[in-house]
Amino acid sequence: MTRNDEEPVGSGALDRVTWALRRAELAVQTLKEQRLRPLGMAAAHYTLLMSVHSEPGLAGAELARRLNVTPQAVASLVARLEGRGQLERREHPRHRHVQELHLTDAGREALRAADQVIADIEHHITEGLGPEESAQLRTLLDQVSKAVRNA
């Protein structure tokens, strides 16, 4: 039996920007889940409600593309939020087979409460960084997004 003693990753793998981004993303996501749980909401619910708020009338398939999840995942979330009375589906005016998503009053109220939680997390992060570093981080993250889109 031969043994492959080669390292499975390159040297410096744990120092990569992509690994630092992932660690930060996981830390923020974990905190969101913890802080939203008392509201009976998951971070995915917040994301979906926020997306529909920012673009009322989105269809589920388009929402799935924008959130980079499967249409089935969006359908499941939509059904859950619709069952809570936070979302409603309306028939598209020209395409009868397309259902548009809209927030209800309960959805707007749930989003308002959840957004306060997210704003508090944002404040905690930016307070720790300071105003200059927060602005610099935002600029750098925007540059990362642009670089990845252009890859």
Protein backbone atom coordinates (compact mmCIF):
# COMPACT_ATOMS: atom_id res chain seq x y z
CA MET A 1 0.00 0.00 0.00
CA THR A 2 1.40 3.37 -0.99
CA ARG A 3 0.73 6.42 1.05
CA ASN A 4 0.20 9.86 -0.37
CA ASP A 5 1.88 12.28 2.05
CA GLU A 6 0.98 15.35 0.04
CA GLU A 7 -1.01 18.00 1.83
CA PRO A 8 -4.65 18.16 0.70
CA VAL A 9 -4.50 21.97 0.51
CA GLY A 10 -1.89 24.46 -0.54
CA SER A 11 0.30 26.23 1.95
CA GLY A 12 -1.46 29.30 3.26
CA ALA A 13 -4.93 27.91 2.53
CA LEU A 14 -6.17 29.05 5.92
CA ASP A 15 -4.89 32.57 5.23
CA ARG A 16 -6.82 33.00 1.99
CA VAL A 17 -9.23 35.90 1.56
CA THR A 18 -11.95 33.46 0.54
CA TRP A 19 -11.52 31.52 3.78
CA ALA A 20 -11.66 34.73 5.84
CA LEU A 21 -14.84 35.75 3.98
CA ARG A 22 -16.42 32.38 4.74
CA ARG A 23 -15.52 32.55 8.44
CA ALA A 24 -17.00 36.05 8.66
CA GLU A 25 -20.12 34.96 6.78
CA LEU A 26 -20.64 31.98 9.11
CA ALA A 27 -20.14 34.13 12.21
CA VAL A 28 -22.66 36.74 11.01
CA GLN A 29 -25.14 34.07 9.87
CA THR A 30 -24.94 32.28 13.23
CA LEU A 31 -25.57 35.53 15.09
CA LYS A 32 -28.53 36.37 12.82
CA GLU A 33 -30.07 32.95 13.44
CA GLN A 34 -29.63 33.31 17.21
CA ARG A 35 -31.04 36.83 17.36
CA LEU A 36 -33.95 36.22 14.97
CA ARG A 37 -35.06 32.97 16.66
CA PRO A 38 -37.00 34.75 19.47
CA LEU A 39 -39.07 36.40 16.72
CA GLY A 40 -39.89 32.97 15.29
CA MET A 41 -37.91 33.83 12.20
CA ALA A 42 -34.92 32.31 10.44
CA ALA A 43 -32.37 34.34 8.52
CA ALA A 44 -33.73 32.83 5.29
CA HIS A 45 -37.19 34.24 6.12
CA TYR A 46 -35.68 37.68 6.67
CA THR A 47 -33.80 37.48 3.37
CA LEU A 48 -36.92 36.48 1.47
CA LEU A 49 -39.10 39.15 3.10
CA MET A 50 -36.43 41.78 2.45
CA SER A 51 -36.15 40.72 -1.19
CA VAL A 52 -39.91 40.94 -1.72
CA HIS A 53 -39.99 44.28 0.09
CA SER A 54 -37.26 45.67 -2.18
CA GLU A 55 -38.92 44.35 -5.34
CA PRO A 56 -42.64 43.73 -4.84
CA GLY A 57 -44.16 41.45 -7.43
CA LEU A 58 -41.17 39.16 -7.89
CA ALA A 59 -42.05 35.68 -9.06
CA GLY A 60 -40.74 32.72 -7.10
CA ALA A 61 -38.47 31.53 -9.93
CA GLU A 62 -36.83 34.95 -10.25
CA LEU A 63 -36.45 35.19 -6.48
CA ALA A 64 -34.75 31.77 -6.44
CA ARG A 65 -32.26 32.96 -9.09
CA ARG A 66 -31.46 36.12 -7.16
CA LEU A 67 -31.03 34.27 -3.85
CA ASN A 68 -29.05 31.49 -5.52
CA VAL A 69 -31.32 28.76 -4.16
CA THR A 70 -33.58 26.23 -5.81
CA PRO A 71 -37.13 27.15 -6.81
CA GLN A 72 -38.27 24.37 -4.44
CA ALA A 73 -36.48 26.06 -1.51
CA VAL A 74 -38.19 29.37 -2.32
CA ALA A 75 -41.55 27.63 -2.71
CA SER A 76 -41.15 26.06 0.73
CA LEU A 77 -40.23 29.38 2.35
CA VAL A 78 -43.04 31.18 0.53
CA ALA A 79 -45.56 28.57 1.68
CA ARG A 80 -44.38 28.94 5.28
CA LEU A 81 -44.53 32.75 5.21
CA GLU A 82 -47.84 32.69 3.37
CA GLY A 83 -49.19 30.36 6.07
CA ARG A 84 -48.13 32.93 8.67
CA GLY A 85 -49.98 35.62 6.74
CA GLN A 86 -46.77 37.51 5.95
CA LEU A 87 -46.74 36.98 2.18
CA GLU A 88 -49.40 36.76 -0.47
CA ARG A 89 -49.35 35.55 -4.03
CA ARG A 90 -51.14 37.55 -6.68
CA GLU A 91 -51.79 36.62 -10.25
CA HIS A 92 -49.55 38.43 -12.73
CA PRO A 93 -51.66 40.89 -14.77
CA ARG A 94 -50.48 39.53 -18.14
CA HIS A 95 -49.19 36.03 -17.40
CA ARG A 96 -51.88 34.08 -15.59
CA HIS A 97 -49.57 31.18 -14.71
CA VAL A 98 -47.10 33.49 -12.90
CA GLN A 99 -47.68 34.31 -9.25
CA GLU A 100 -46.25 37.58 -7.94
CA LEU A 101 -45.14 37.81 -4.31
CA HIS A 102 -46.15 40.70 -2.07
CA LEU A 103 -45.77 41.47 1.61
CA THR A 104 -48.90 41.68 3.71
CA ASP A 105 -49.29 44.07 6.64
CA ALA A 106 -48.19 41.22 8.92
CA GLY A 107 -45.20 40.65 6.67
CA ARG A 108 -44.21 44.30 6.84
CA GLU A 109 -44.51 44.20 10.63
CA ALA A 110 -42.43 41.00 10.87
CA LEU A 111 -39.82 42.51 8.55
CA ARG A 112 -39.72 45.70 10.60
CA ALA A 113 -39.03 43.73 13.82
CA ALA A 114 -36.45 41.49 12.13
CA ASP A 115 -34.73 44.43 10.48
CA GLN A 116 -34.24 46.05 13.88
CA VAL A 117 -32.43 42.88 14.98
CA ILE A 118 -30.26 42.97 11.85
CA ALA A 119 -29.60 46.70 12.33
CA ASP A 120 -28.42 45.96 15.89
CA ILE A 121 -26.02 43.32 14.55
CA GLU A 122 -24.79 45.80 11.95
CA HIS A 123 -24.26 48.41 14.67
CA HIS A 124 -22.30 45.92 16.78
CA ILE A 125 -20.02 45.12 13.85
CA THR A 126 -19.48 48.72 12.73
CA GLU A 127 -18.97 49.91 16.30
CA GLY A 128 -16.19 47.35 16.69
CA LEU A 129 -14.56 48.44 13.45
CA GLY A 130 -15.07 52.18 13.65
CA PRO A 131 -16.44 54.44 10.91
CA GLU A 132 -13.35 54.52 8.66
CA GLU A 133 -12.75 50.78 8.76
CA SER A 134 -16.47 50.09 8.24
CA ALA A 135 -16.48 52.26 5.12
CA GLN A 136 -13.26 50.64 3.93
CA LEU A 137 -14.66 47.13 4.49
CA ARG A 138 -17.81 47.99 2.56
CA THR A 139 -15.73 49.32 -0.33
CA LEU A 140 -13.50 46.24 -0.31
CA LEU A 141 -16.47 43.86 -0.21
CA ASP A 142 -18.05 45.71 -3.15
CA GLN A 143 -14.76 45.28 -5.01
CA VAL A 144 -14.75 41.56 -4.19
CA SER A 145 -18.28 41.24 -5.58
CA LYS A 146 -17.29 43.06 -8.76
CA ALA A 147 -14.13 40.97 -9.20
CA VAL A 148 -16.08 37.73 -8.76
CA ARG A 149 -18.76 38.82 -11.24
CA ASN A 150 -16.02 39.63 -13.78
CA ALA A 151 -14.13 36.35 -13.24
